[in-house]
Amino acid sequence: MSTTLDRVPLGTGGPLTGVQGLGCMGMSAFYGPTDADAARATLERALELGVTLYDTADMYGAGENERFLAPFVRAHRDEITIATKFALQQDPADPAGRIIRNDPAYVREAVEGSLRRLDVEVIDLYYMHRRDPDVPLEESVGAMAELVTQGKVRRLGLSEVTGAELRAAHAVHPIAALQSEWSLFSRDVERTAVPAARDLGVAFVPYSPLGRGFLSGAFTDTETDLSADDFRRRQPRYSGDNLAANRELLNPLRRVAEAHGATIGQIALAWVQQQGPLRDMTVIPIPGTRHVSRVEENTAATRIVLTDEERAVLEPLASQVAGDRYADMNFTSAGREQRE
């Protein structure tokens, strides 16, 4: 299978990158056991297919994902864009809990760790993984901007911020990319974040565009299909009655997929990919996978064009989804918007 992805700018004046990236989290953490050799083959195959944006974070496997990616990054340094994140840590006292730090001292500490683990002199795109409302954006983004001046980071990104927060941050220093969950099942970002990104020329990088695998049919029952340590077991929309209700919502995808001779995952991805031209903005989804066959399937979805009628069939799905995307929505842009 051969796919040459179209290229789009990573933010105003940014480098051209493939219109689909690769989320690397599952290669090291959260989705149960992984095969390192298969994951390495997936990285290489993605690059052959035109994927150039590779996404990680310092909290994925407590730094292990960055270490895992380092040899691949070194081997292809001039061909790829490496993105990583800071600000989010697992709570040592609670495996399901999270600690968020945006203070300038931590920004400076975190970047040194990522540079060391990735074995690079400069990070192409450095995200603030989650927002701590108790730390003024001017302070945290100001500290991130210093990293650009120092040559440790090329471009800045934010994750799970509201439209107002994105605009405030962009006024401190240009933001190249906004990464937030966006899929047929998760569309809360369309309220304020997507319009702000479009207005500012910020690339939107949807994570979990396949609903953490649910929209691709990777699992249908968390109890039987996922390992005991897979964190998707704890997500409300994939538990109990919610799971049963949400399985029914896959039927419209199946009908559209049949018309295209495609998989349901490809239809879900095509919908996200198409948001870019439909909204006149840059959209670069980063579906995560550890398998060559999946990355081939995912990149092929960039060539599927849904009709107006097909999009109309899929339009109501997000409003019918049962359960939140996280047990604690306080860490998301949607959670903060609800409190405003």
C-alpha atoms as a PDB file:
ATOM      1  CA  MET A   1       0.000   0.000   0.000  1.00  0.00           C
ATOM      2  CA  SER A   2       1.364   3.391  -0.999  1.00  0.00           C
ATOM      3  CA  THR A   3       0.087   6.678   0.382  1.00  0.00           C
ATOM      4  CA  THR A   4       1.634  10.076  -0.147  1.00  0.00           C
ATOM      5  CA  LEU A   5       0.032  12.445   2.302  1.00  0.00           C
ATOM      6  CA  ASP A   6      -0.712  16.020   1.387  1.00  0.00           C
ATOM      7  CA  ARG A   7       1.313  18.509   3.415  1.00  0.00           C
ATOM      8  CA  VAL A   8       0.003  21.431   5.411  1.00  0.00           C
ATOM      9  CA  PRO A   9       1.707  24.163   7.470  1.00  0.00           C
ATOM     10  CA  LEU A  10       2.111  23.586  11.192  1.00  0.00           C
ATOM     11  CA  GLY A  11       0.724  26.973  12.198  1.00  0.00           C
ATOM     12  CA  THR A  12       1.218  30.277  10.396  1.00  0.00           C
ATOM     13  CA  GLY A  13       4.646  30.231   8.774  1.00  0.00           C
ATOM     14  CA  GLY A  14       5.379  26.808  10.227  1.00  0.00           C
ATOM     15  CA  PRO A  15       7.031  23.849   8.479  1.00  0.00           C
ATOM     16  CA  LEU A  16       5.024  21.668   6.155  1.00  0.00           C
ATOM     17  CA  THR A  17       3.999  18.369   7.707  1.00  0.00           C
ATOM     18  CA  GLY A  18       1.884  15.427   6.625  1.00  0.00           C
ATOM     19  CA  VAL A  19      -1.850  16.076   6.978  1.00  0.00           C
ATOM     20  CA  GLN A  20      -2.012  13.144   9.398  1.00  0.00           C
ATOM     21  CA  GLY A  21       0.402  12.529  12.273  1.00  0.00           C
ATOM     22  CA  LEU A  22       1.027   9.604  14.617  1.00  0.00           C
ATOM     23  CA  GLY A  23       0.190   9.463  18.304  1.00  0.00           C
ATOM     24  CA  CYS A  24       2.852   7.365  20.022  1.00  0.00           C
ATOM     25  CA  MET A  25       1.469   7.122  23.579  1.00  0.00           C
ATOM     26  CA  GLY A  26       0.163   3.571  23.264  1.00  0.00           C
ATOM     27  CA  MET A  27       3.602   2.281  22.292  1.00  0.00           C
ATOM     28  CA  SER A  28       4.666   2.676  25.911  1.00  0.00           C
ATOM     29  CA  ALA A  29       1.701   3.260  28.200  1.00  0.00           C
ATOM     30  CA  PHE A  30      -2.005   3.145  29.055  1.00  0.00           C
ATOM     31  CA  TYR A  31      -3.242   0.641  26.450  1.00  0.00           C
ATOM     32  CA  GLY A  32      -1.881  -2.577  27.934  1.00  0.00           C
ATOM     33  CA  PRO A  33       1.049  -4.728  26.756  1.00  0.00           C
ATOM     34  CA  THR A  34       2.965  -3.618  23.684  1.00  0.00           C
ATOM     35  CA  ASP A  35       5.411  -5.207  21.233  1.00  0.00           C
ATOM     36  CA  ALA A  36       8.455  -2.951  20.866  1.00  0.00           C
ATOM     37  CA  ASP A  37       9.519  -4.451  17.535  1.00  0.00           C
ATOM     38  CA  ALA A  38       6.045  -4.007  16.066  1.00  0.00           C
ATOM     39  CA  ALA A  39       5.932  -0.428  17.341  1.00  0.00           C
ATOM     40  CA  ARG A  40       9.308   0.378  15.762  1.00  0.00           C
ATOM     41  CA  ALA A  41       8.119  -1.080  12.459  1.00  0.00           C
ATOM     42  CA  THR A  42       5.020   1.103  12.725  1.00  0.00           C
ATOM     43  CA  LEU A  43       7.122   4.238  13.127  1.00  0.00           C
ATOM     44  CA  GLU A  44       9.136   3.416  10.021  1.00  0.00           C
ATOM     45  CA  ARG A  45       6.106   2.493   7.939  1.00  0.00           C
ATOM     46  CA  ALA A  46       4.314   5.687   8.937  1.00  0.00           C
ATOM     47  CA  LEU A  47       7.244   7.730   7.641  1.00  0.00           C
ATOM     48  CA  GLU A  48       7.231   5.787   4.354  1.00  0.00           C
ATOM     49  CA  LEU A  49       3.555   6.683   3.973  1.00  0.00           C
ATOM     50  CA  GLY A  50       4.156  10.396   4.480  1.00  0.00           C
ATOM     51  CA  VAL A  51       3.567  10.819   8.219  1.00  0.00           C
ATOM     52  CA  THR A  52       6.059  13.358   9.559  1.00  0.00           C
ATOM     53  CA  LEU A  53       4.517  14.597  12.862  1.00  0.00           C
ATOM     54  CA  TYR A  54       5.211  12.249  15.788  1.00  0.00           C
ATOM     55  CA  ASP A  55       3.564  12.991  19.111  1.00  0.00           C
ATOM     56  CA  THR A  56       4.670  12.017  22.626  1.00  0.00           C
ATOM     57  CA  ALA A  57       4.755  13.467  26.160  1.00  0.00           C
ATOM     58  CA  ASP A  58       6.975  13.253  29.201  1.00  0.00           C
ATOM     59  CA  MET A  59       4.243  11.515  31.207  1.00  0.00           C
ATOM     60  CA  TYR A  60       3.732   8.643  28.748  1.00  0.00           C
ATOM     61  CA  GLY A  61       5.279   5.785  30.673  1.00  0.00           C
ATOM     62  CA  ALA A  62       7.024   8.311  32.960  1.00  0.00           C
ATOM     63  CA  GLY A  63       9.414   9.281  30.162  1.00  0.00           C
ATOM     64  CA  GLU A  64       9.715   5.823  28.602  1.00  0.00           C
ATOM     65  CA  ASN A  65       7.893   6.830  25.412  1.00  0.00           C
ATOM     66  CA  GLU A  66      10.364   9.637  24.773  1.00  0.00           C
ATOM     67  CA  ARG A  67      13.260   7.226  25.344  1.00  0.00           C
ATOM     68  CA  PHE A  68      11.648   4.683  23.032  1.00  0.00           C
ATOM     69  CA  LEU A  69      11.309   7.259  20.240  1.00  0.00           C
ATOM     70  CA  ALA A  70      14.859   8.604  20.565  1.00  0.00           C
ATOM     71  CA  PRO A  71      16.583   6.170  18.135  1.00  0.00           C
ATOM     72  CA  PHE A  72      13.893   6.751  15.499  1.00  0.00           C
ATOM     73  CA  VAL A  73      14.155  10.522  15.943  1.00  0.00           C
ATOM     74  CA  ARG A  74      17.957  10.420  15.604  1.00  0.00           C
ATOM     75  CA  ALA A  75      17.764   8.292  12.457  1.00  0.00           C
ATOM     76  CA  HIS A  76      15.281  10.650  10.753  1.00  0.00           C
ATOM     77  CA  ARG A  77      15.983  13.989  12.416  1.00  0.00           C
ATOM     78  CA  ASP A  78      15.725  16.072   9.242  1.00  0.00           C
ATOM     79  CA  GLU A  79      12.614  14.297   7.965  1.00  0.00           C
ATOM     80  CA  ILE A  80      10.272  14.502  10.934  1.00  0.00           C
ATOM     81  CA  THR A  81       8.704  16.915  13.401  1.00  0.00           C
ATOM     82  CA  ILE A  82       8.889  15.673  16.982  1.00  0.00           C
ATOM     83  CA  ALA A  83       6.292  17.010  19.421  1.00  0.00           C
ATOM     84  CA  THR A  84       6.297  16.425  23.152  1.00  0.00           C
ATOM     85  CA  LYS A  85       4.498  17.863  26.172  1.00  0.00           C
ATOM     86  CA  PHE A  86       4.988  18.881  29.787  1.00  0.00           C
ATOM     87  CA  ALA A  87       2.691  19.791  32.718  1.00  0.00           C
ATOM     88  CA  LEU A  88       0.923  16.512  33.459  1.00  0.00           C
ATOM     89  CA  GLN A  89       2.154  13.925  35.965  1.00  0.00           C
ATOM     90  CA  GLN A  90       0.671  10.823  37.527  1.00  0.00           C
ATOM     91  CA  ASP A  91      -0.134  11.209  41.206  1.00  0.00           C
ATOM     92  CA  PRO A  92       2.171   8.816  43.153  1.00  0.00           C
ATOM     93  CA  ALA A  93      -0.576   8.406  45.774  1.00  0.00           C
ATOM     94  CA  ASP A  94      -3.298   7.640  43.222  1.00  0.00           C
ATOM     95  CA  PRO A  95      -2.546   5.799  39.930  1.00  0.00           C
ATOM     96  CA  ALA A  96      -5.710   7.260  38.418  1.00  0.00           C
ATOM     97  CA  GLY A  97      -4.971  10.793  39.649  1.00  0.00           C
ATOM     98  CA  ARG A  98      -3.088  13.570  37.892  1.00  0.00           C
ATOM     99  CA  ILE A  99      -0.926  16.491  38.998  1.00  0.00           C
ATOM    100  CA  ILE A 100      -0.710  19.573  36.789  1.00  0.00           C
ATOM    101  CA  ARG A 101       2.194  22.010  36.923  1.00  0.00           C
ATOM    102  CA  ASN A 102       2.481  25.119  34.746  1.00  0.00           C
ATOM    103  CA  ASP A 103       4.822  27.207  36.916  1.00  0.00           C
ATOM    104  CA  PRO A 104       7.884  28.660  35.139  1.00  0.00           C
ATOM    105  CA  ALA A 105      10.370  26.727  37.280  1.00  0.00           C
ATOM    106  CA  TYR A 106       8.755  23.459  36.246  1.00  0.00           C
ATOM    107  CA  VAL A 107       8.660  24.490  32.571  1.00  0.00           C
ATOM    108  CA  ARG A 108      12.432  24.984  32.650  1.00  0.00           C
ATOM    109  CA  GLU A 109      12.968  21.697  34.506  1.00  0.00           C
ATOM    110  CA  ALA A 110      10.675  19.648  32.280  1.00  0.00           C
ATOM    111  CA  VAL A 111      12.197  20.695  28.969  1.00  0.00           C
ATOM    112  CA  GLU A 112      15.651  19.566  30.072  1.00  0.00           C
ATOM    113  CA  GLY A 113      14.293  16.121  30.847  1.00  0.00           C
ATOM    114  CA  SER A 114      12.576  15.800  27.474  1.00  0.00           C
ATOM    115  CA  LEU A 115      15.645  16.998  25.580  1.00  0.00           C
ATOM    116  CA  ARG A 116      17.739  14.409  27.382  1.00  0.00           C
ATOM    117  CA  ARG A 117      15.333  11.506  26.886  1.00  0.00           C
ATOM    118  CA  LEU A 118      14.688  12.306  23.213  1.00  0.00           C
ATOM    119  CA  ASP A 119      18.425  12.874  22.715  1.00  0.00           C
ATOM    120  CA  VAL A 120      17.877  16.043  20.674  1.00  0.00           C
ATOM    121  CA  GLU A 121      19.233  19.565  20.909  1.00  0.00           C
ATOM    122  CA  VAL A 122      15.907  21.179  20.102  1.00  0.00           C
ATOM    123  CA  ILE A 123      12.256  20.088  20.335  1.00  0.00           C
ATOM    124  CA  ASP A 124      10.256  20.975  17.237  1.00  0.00           C
ATOM    125  CA  LEU A 125       6.899  21.490  18.983  1.00  0.00           C
ATOM    126  CA  TYR A 126       6.553  21.805  22.759  1.00  0.00           C
ATOM    127  CA  TYR A 127       3.062  21.608  24.247  1.00  0.00           C
ATOM    128  CA  MET A 128       1.659  22.540  27.620  1.00  0.00           C
ATOM    129  CA  HIS A 129      -0.212  19.280  28.198  1.00  0.00           C
ATOM    130  CA  ARG A 130      -2.895  20.617  30.548  1.00  0.00           C
ATOM    131  CA  ARG A 131      -3.794  24.027  31.936  1.00  0.00           C
ATOM    132  CA  ASP A 132      -3.554  24.930  35.616  1.00  0.00           C
ATOM    133  CA  PRO A 133      -5.977  27.870  36.035  1.00  0.00           C
ATOM    134  CA  ASP A 134      -4.136  28.938  39.186  1.00  0.00           C
ATOM    135  CA  VAL A 135      -1.023  29.856  37.163  1.00  0.00           C
ATOM    136  CA  PRO A 136      -1.468  32.907  34.908  1.00  0.00           C
ATOM    137  CA  LEU A 137      -1.048  32.031  31.245  1.00  0.00           C
ATOM    138  CA  GLU A 138       1.317  34.958  30.882  1.00  0.00           C
ATOM    139  CA  GLU A 139       3.712  33.252  33.292  1.00  0.00           C
ATOM    140  CA  SER A 140       3.624  29.740  31.843  1.00  0.00           C
ATOM    141  CA  VAL A 141       3.598  30.768  28.169  1.00  0.00           C
ATOM    142  CA  GLY A 142       6.199  33.414  28.953  1.00  0.00           C
ATOM    143  CA  ALA A 143       8.490  30.711  30.333  1.00  0.00           C
ATOM    144  CA  MET A 144       7.829  28.571  27.263  1.00  0.00           C
ATOM    145  CA  ALA A 145       8.684  31.532  25.030  1.00  0.00           C
ATOM    146  CA  GLU A 146      12.066  31.797  26.781  1.00  0.00           C
ATOM    147  CA  LEU A 147      12.800  28.250  25.601  1.00  0.00           C
ATOM    148  CA  VAL A 148      12.315  29.398  22.012  1.00  0.00           C
ATOM    149  CA  THR A 149      14.693  32.301  22.558  1.00  0.00           C
ATOM    150  CA  GLN A 150      17.234  29.897  24.071  1.00  0.00           C
ATOM    151  CA  GLY A 151      17.019  27.570  21.065  1.00  0.00           C
ATOM    152  CA  LYS A 152      15.676  24.610  23.052  1.00  0.00           C
ATOM    153  CA  VAL A 153      12.252  24.671  21.400  1.00  0.00           C
ATOM    154  CA  ARG A 154      11.213  25.720  17.898  1.00  0.00           C
ATOM    155  CA  ARG A 155       7.459  26.205  18.294  1.00  0.00           C
ATOM    156  CA  LEU A 156       4.886  26.266  21.079  1.00  0.00           C
ATOM    157  CA  GLY A 157       1.652  24.361  21.459  1.00  0.00           C
ATOM    158  CA  LEU A 158      -1.182  24.049  23.961  1.00  0.00           C
ATOM    159  CA  SER A 159      -3.513  21.171  24.788  1.00  0.00           C
ATOM    160  CA  GLU A 160      -7.099  21.239  26.069  1.00  0.00           C
ATOM    161  CA  VAL A 161      -7.440  25.023  26.313  1.00  0.00           C
ATOM    162  CA  THR A 162     -10.539  27.080  25.615  1.00  0.00           C
ATOM    163  CA  GLY A 163     -10.769  29.587  22.811  1.00  0.00           C
ATOM    164  CA  ALA A 164     -10.283  32.472  25.244  1.00  0.00           C
ATOM    165  CA  GLU A 165      -7.216  30.798  26.745  1.00  0.00           C
ATOM    166  CA  LEU A 166      -5.745  30.205  23.298  1.00  0.00           C
ATOM    167  CA  ARG A 167      -6.219  33.841  22.360  1.00  0.00           C
ATOM    168  CA  ALA A 168      -4.610  35.013  25.618  1.00  0.00           C
ATOM    169  CA  ALA A 169      -1.639  32.702  25.144  1.00  0.00           C
ATOM    170  CA  HIS A 170      -1.196  33.681  21.505  1.00  0.00           C
ATOM    171  CA  ALA A 171      -0.945  37.316  22.595  1.00  0.00           C
ATOM    172  CA  VAL A 172       2.093  36.388  24.718  1.00  0.00           C
ATOM    173  CA  HIS A 173       3.841  34.301  22.052  1.00  0.00           C
ATOM    174  CA  PRO A 174       2.639  32.800  18.747  1.00  0.00           C
ATOM    175  CA  ILE A 175       1.080  29.379  19.260  1.00  0.00           C
ATOM    176  CA  ALA A 176       1.661  26.954  16.393  1.00  0.00           C
ATOM    177  CA  ALA A 177      -0.718  24.163  17.370  1.00  0.00           C
ATOM    178  CA  LEU A 178      -3.636  23.356  19.635  1.00  0.00           C
ATOM    179  CA  GLN A 179      -4.062  19.694  20.545  1.00  0.00           C
ATOM    180  CA  SER A 180      -7.403  18.573  21.947  1.00  0.00           C
ATOM    181  CA  GLU A 181      -9.748  15.613  21.612  1.00  0.00           C
ATOM    182  CA  TRP A 182     -11.914  15.943  18.499  1.00  0.00           C
ATOM    183  CA  SER A 183     -13.854  13.146  16.863  1.00  0.00           C
ATOM    184  CA  LEU A 184     -17.326  12.098  15.812  1.00  0.00           C
ATOM    185  CA  PHE A 185     -17.931  11.310  19.497  1.00  0.00           C
ATOM    186  CA  SER A 186     -16.218  14.394  20.995  1.00  0.00           C
ATOM    187  CA  ARG A 187     -17.061  17.783  19.517  1.00  0.00           C
ATOM    188  CA  ASP A 188     -17.058  20.175  22.485  1.00  0.00           C
ATOM    189  CA  VAL A 189     -13.967  21.926  21.052  1.00  0.00           C
ATOM    190  CA  GLU A 190     -16.122  23.329  18.274  1.00  0.00           C
ATOM    191  CA  ARG A 191     -17.719  25.817  20.680  1.00  0.00           C
ATOM    192  CA  THR A 192     -14.734  28.134  21.165  1.00  0.00           C
ATOM    193  CA  ALA A 193     -11.396  26.380  20.580  1.00  0.00           C
ATOM    194  CA  VAL A 194     -11.829  25.536  16.905  1.00  0.00           C
ATOM    195  CA  PRO A 195     -13.023  29.052  15.909  1.00  0.00           C
ATOM    196  CA  ALA A 196     -10.144  30.638  17.835  1.00  0.00           C
ATOM    197  CA  ALA A 197      -7.578  28.365  16.184  1.00  0.00           C
ATOM    198  CA  ARG A 198      -8.991  29.195  12.763  1.00  0.00           C
ATOM    199  CA  ASP A 199      -8.948  32.939  13.425  1.00  0.00           C
ATOM    200  CA  LEU A 200      -5.369  32.879  14.721  1.00  0.00           C
ATOM    201  CA  GLY A 201      -3.915  30.568  12.078  1.00  0.00           C
ATOM    202  CA  VAL A 202      -3.180  27.891  14.684  1.00  0.00           C
ATOM    203  CA  ALA A 203      -3.050  24.294  13.464  1.00  0.00           C
ATOM    204  CA  PHE A 204      -5.563  22.053  15.220  1.00  0.00           C
ATOM    205  CA  VAL A 205      -4.187  18.623  16.163  1.00  0.00           C
ATOM    206  CA  PRO A 206      -7.033  16.280  17.171  1.00  0.00           C
ATOM    207  CA  TYR A 207      -5.977  13.547  19.555  1.00  0.00           C
ATOM    208  CA  SER A 208      -8.093  10.390  19.908  1.00  0.00           C
ATOM    209  CA  PRO A 209      -9.793  11.019  16.541  1.00  0.00           C
ATOM    210  CA  LEU A 210     -10.836   7.363  16.683  1.00  0.00           C
ATOM    211  CA  GLY A 211     -12.336   7.604  20.164  1.00  0.00           C
ATOM    212  CA  ARG A 212      -9.370   5.713  21.655  1.00  0.00           C
ATOM    213  CA  GLY A 213      -9.991   2.874  19.224  1.00  0.00           C
ATOM    214  CA  PHE A 214     -13.723   2.506  19.801  1.00  0.00           C
ATOM    215  CA  LEU A 215     -14.603   4.189  16.495  1.00  0.00           C
ATOM    216  CA  SER A 216     -12.358   1.761  14.629  1.00  0.00           C
ATOM    217  CA  GLY A 217     -13.894  -1.320  16.214  1.00  0.00           C
ATOM    218  CA  ALA A 218     -10.639  -2.105  18.014  1.00  0.00           C
ATOM    219  CA  PHE A 219     -12.718  -3.082  21.039  1.00  0.00           C
ATOM    220  CA  THR A 220     -16.410  -3.513  21.748  1.00  0.00           C
ATOM    221  CA  ASP A 221     -16.323  -4.649  25.375  1.00  0.00           C
ATOM    222  CA  THR A 222     -13.739  -3.260  27.777  1.00  0.00           C
ATOM    223  CA  GLU A 223     -14.076  -6.221  30.142  1.00  0.00           C
ATOM    224  CA  THR A 224     -13.339  -8.888  27.546  1.00  0.00           C
ATOM    225  CA  ASP A 225     -11.301  -7.039  24.895  1.00  0.00           C
ATOM    226  CA  LEU A 226      -8.911  -4.942  27.013  1.00  0.00           C
ATOM    227  CA  SER A 227      -6.219  -5.913  29.507  1.00  0.00           C
ATOM    228  CA  ALA A 228      -6.779  -5.227  33.187  1.00  0.00           C
ATOM    229  CA  ASP A 229      -4.337  -2.290  33.191  1.00  0.00           C
ATOM    230  CA  ASP A 230      -5.850  -0.554  30.130  1.00  0.00           C
ATOM    231  CA  PHE A 231      -7.060   2.861  31.285  1.00  0.00           C
ATOM    232  CA  ARG A 232      -9.988   2.837  28.859  1.00  0.00           C
ATOM    233  CA  ARG A 233     -11.736   0.549  31.348  1.00  0.00           C
ATOM    234  CA  ARG A 234     -12.068   3.609  33.618  1.00  0.00           C
ATOM    235  CA  GLN A 235     -13.540   5.962  31.025  1.00  0.00           C
ATOM    236  CA  PRO A 236     -17.265   6.578  31.604  1.00  0.00           C
ATOM    237  CA  ARG A 237     -18.353   6.247  27.986  1.00  0.00           C
ATOM    238  CA  TYR A 238     -16.855   2.775  27.692  1.00  0.00           C
ATOM    239  CA  SER A 239     -18.367   1.370  30.891  1.00  0.00           C
ATOM    240  CA  GLY A 240     -21.667  -0.330  31.775  1.00  0.00           C
ATOM    241  CA  ASP A 241     -24.824   0.899  30.110  1.00  0.00           C
ATOM    242  CA  ASN A 242     -22.907   3.721  28.387  1.00  0.00           C
ATOM    243  CA  LEU A 243     -20.857   1.219  26.412  1.00  0.00           C
ATOM    244  CA  ALA A 244     -23.936  -0.633  25.209  1.00  0.00           C
ATOM    245  CA  ALA A 245     -25.605   2.608  24.126  1.00  0.00           C
ATOM    246  CA  ASN A 246     -22.514   3.858  22.324  1.00  0.00           C
ATOM    247  CA  ARG A 247     -22.068   0.617  20.419  1.00  0.00           C
ATOM    248  CA  GLU A 248     -25.386   1.320  18.717  1.00  0.00           C
ATOM    249  CA  LEU A 249     -24.017   4.631  17.437  1.00  0.00           C
ATOM    250  CA  LEU A 250     -21.509   2.777  15.266  1.00  0.00           C
ATOM    251  CA  ASN A 251     -24.275   1.572  12.937  1.00  0.00           C
ATOM    252  CA  PRO A 252     -24.403   4.782  10.848  1.00  0.00           C
ATOM    253  CA  LEU A 253     -20.623   4.536  10.381  1.00  0.00           C
ATOM    254  CA  ARG A 254     -21.038   0.987   9.120  1.00  0.00           C
ATOM    255  CA  ARG A 255     -23.545   2.084   6.501  1.00  0.00           C
ATOM    256  CA  VAL A 256     -21.298   4.890   5.232  1.00  0.00           C
ATOM    257  CA  ALA A 257     -18.251   2.611   5.334  1.00  0.00           C
ATOM    258  CA  GLU A 258     -20.014   0.005   3.204  1.00  0.00           C
ATOM    259  CA  ALA A 259     -20.748   2.619   0.541  1.00  0.00           C
ATOM    260  CA  HIS A 260     -17.032   3.486   0.353  1.00  0.00           C
ATOM    261  CA  GLY A 261     -15.673  -0.042   0.700  1.00  0.00           C
ATOM    262  CA  ALA A 262     -13.892   1.249   3.790  1.00  0.00           C
ATOM    263  CA  THR A 263     -13.632   0.418   7.485  1.00  0.00           C
ATOM    264  CA  ILE A 264     -15.612   2.305  10.112  1.00  0.00           C
ATOM    265  CA  GLY A 265     -12.346   3.680  11.449  1.00  0.00           C
ATOM    266  CA  GLN A 266     -11.506   5.147   8.067  1.00  0.00           C
ATOM    267  CA  ILE A 267     -14.884   6.884   7.920  1.00  0.00           C
ATOM    268  CA  ALA A 268     -14.399   8.320  11.415  1.00  0.00           C
ATOM    269  CA  LEU A 269     -10.937   9.567  10.443  1.00  0.00           C
ATOM    270  CA  ALA A 270     -12.120  10.925   7.106  1.00  0.00           C
ATOM    271  CA  TRP A 271     -14.713  12.993   8.956  1.00  0.00           C
ATOM    272  CA  VAL A 272     -12.013  14.594  11.117  1.00  0.00           C
ATOM    273  CA  GLN A 273      -9.621  15.090   8.201  1.00  0.00           C
ATOM    274  CA  GLN A 274     -12.347  16.821   6.211  1.00  0.00           C
ATOM    275  CA  GLN A 275     -12.880  19.414   8.929  1.00  0.00           C
ATOM    276  CA  GLY A 276      -9.752  21.180   7.686  1.00  0.00           C
ATOM    277  CA  PRO A 277     -10.953  22.150   4.200  1.00  0.00           C
ATOM    278  CA  LEU A 278     -14.555  22.536   5.390  1.00  0.00           C
ATOM    279  CA  ARG A 279     -13.533  25.091   8.033  1.00  0.00           C
ATOM    280  CA  ASP A 280     -10.661  26.665   6.058  1.00  0.00           C
ATOM    281  CA  MET A 281      -8.055  25.757   8.671  1.00  0.00           C
ATOM    282  CA  THR A 282      -5.226  23.295   9.210  1.00  0.00           C
ATOM    283  CA  VAL A 283      -6.309  20.067  10.899  1.00  0.00           C
ATOM    284  CA  ILE A 284      -3.740  17.310  11.546  1.00  0.00           C
ATOM    285  CA  PRO A 285      -5.234  14.324  13.393  1.00  0.00           C
ATOM    286  CA  ILE A 286      -2.820  12.078  15.293  1.00  0.00           C
ATOM    287  CA  PRO A 287      -4.449   8.641  15.506  1.00  0.00           C
ATOM    288  CA  GLY A 288      -2.406   6.362  17.704  1.00  0.00           C
ATOM    289  CA  THR A 289      -1.449   2.835  16.764  1.00  0.00           C
ATOM    290  CA  ARG A 290       1.217   0.220  17.397  1.00  0.00           C
ATOM    291  CA  HIS A 291       0.567  -1.798  14.236  1.00  0.00           C
ATOM    292  CA  VAL A 292       1.711  -1.407  10.626  1.00  0.00           C
ATOM    293  CA  SER A 293      -1.657  -2.530   9.263  1.00  0.00           C
ATOM    294  CA  ARG A 294      -3.451   0.158  11.239  1.00  0.00           C
ATOM    295  CA  VAL A 295      -1.163   2.990  10.139  1.00  0.00           C
ATOM    296  CA  GLU A 296      -1.716   1.893   6.540  1.00  0.00           C
ATOM    297  CA  GLU A 297      -5.459   1.904   7.106  1.00  0.00           C
ATOM    298  CA  ASN A 298      -5.388   5.276   8.837  1.00  0.00           C
ATOM    299  CA  THR A 299      -3.331   7.103   6.220  1.00  0.00           C
ATOM    300  CA  ALA A 300      -5.531   5.704   3.448  1.00  0.00           C
ATOM    301  CA  ALA A 301      -8.469   7.475   5.112  1.00  0.00           C
ATOM    302  CA  THR A 302      -7.036  10.821   3.999  1.00  0.00           C
ATOM    303  CA  ARG A 303      -8.176   9.969   0.455  1.00  0.00           C
ATOM    304  CA  ILE A 304     -11.823   9.383   1.412  1.00  0.00           C
ATOM    305  CA  VAL A 305     -14.171  12.306   0.723  1.00  0.00           C
ATOM    306  CA  LEU A 306     -17.535  12.173   2.453  1.00  0.00           C
ATOM    307  CA  THR A 307     -20.548  13.668   0.720  1.00  0.00           C
ATOM    308  CA  ASP A 308     -22.814  16.278   2.288  1.00  0.00           C
ATOM    309  CA  GLU A 309     -25.448  13.571   2.727  1.00  0.00           C
ATOM    310  CA  GLU A 310     -22.996  11.237   4.493  1.00  0.00           C
ATOM    311  CA  ARG A 311     -21.815  13.972   6.833  1.00  0.00           C
ATOM    312  CA  ALA A 312     -25.450  14.736   7.647  1.00  0.00           C
ATOM    313  CA  VAL A 313     -25.931  11.099   8.696  1.00  0.00           C
ATOM    314  CA  LEU A 314     -22.922  11.343  11.035  1.00  0.00           C
ATOM    315  CA  GLU A 315     -23.696  14.826  12.373  1.00  0.00           C
ATOM    316  CA  PRO A 316     -26.012  13.816  15.277  1.00  0.00           C
ATOM    317  CA  LEU A 317     -23.721  11.166  16.783  1.00  0.00           C
ATOM    318  CA  ALA A 318     -21.782  13.344  19.236  1.00  0.00           C
ATOM    319  CA  SER A 319     -24.959  14.657  20.868  1.00  0.00           C
ATOM    320  CA  GLN A 320     -26.126  11.081  21.454  1.00  0.00           C
ATOM    321  CA  VAL A 321     -22.956   9.748  23.105  1.00  0.00           C
ATOM    322  CA  ALA A 322     -23.495   8.437  26.637  1.00  0.00           C
ATOM    323  CA  GLY A 323     -20.865   9.339  29.246  1.00  0.00           C
ATOM    324  CA  ASP A 324     -18.061  11.891  29.488  1.00  0.00           C
ATOM    325  CA  ARG A 325     -14.714  11.304  27.822  1.00  0.00           C
ATOM    326  CA  TYR A 326     -12.939  11.445  31.207  1.00  0.00           C
ATOM    327  CA  ALA A 327     -14.093  10.585  34.715  1.00  0.00           C
ATOM    328  CA  ASP A 328     -12.790  14.022  35.775  1.00  0.00           C
ATOM    329  CA  MET A 329     -13.553  16.665  33.174  1.00  0.00           C
ATOM    330  CA  ASN A 330     -12.009  19.460  35.244  1.00  0.00           C
ATOM    331  CA  PHE A 331      -8.732  19.004  33.362  1.00  0.00           C
ATOM    332  CA  THR A 332     -10.348  19.663  29.981  1.00  0.00           C
ATOM    333  CA  SER A 333     -11.330  22.811  28.129  1.00  0.00           C
ATOM    334  CA  ALA A 334     -14.952  21.653  28.186  1.00  0.00           C
ATOM    335  CA  GLY A 335     -14.849  21.286  31.958  1.00  0.00           C
ATOM    336  CA  ARG A 336     -13.600  24.849  32.419  1.00  0.00           C
ATOM    337  CA  GLU A 337     -16.129  26.232  29.946  1.00  0.00           C
ATOM    338  CA  GLN A 338     -18.931  24.580  31.907  1.00  0.00           C
ATOM    339  CA  ARG A 339     -17.812  26.401  35.059  1.00  0.00           C
ATOM    340  CA  GLU A 340     -17.708  29.814  33.381  1.00  0.00           C
END
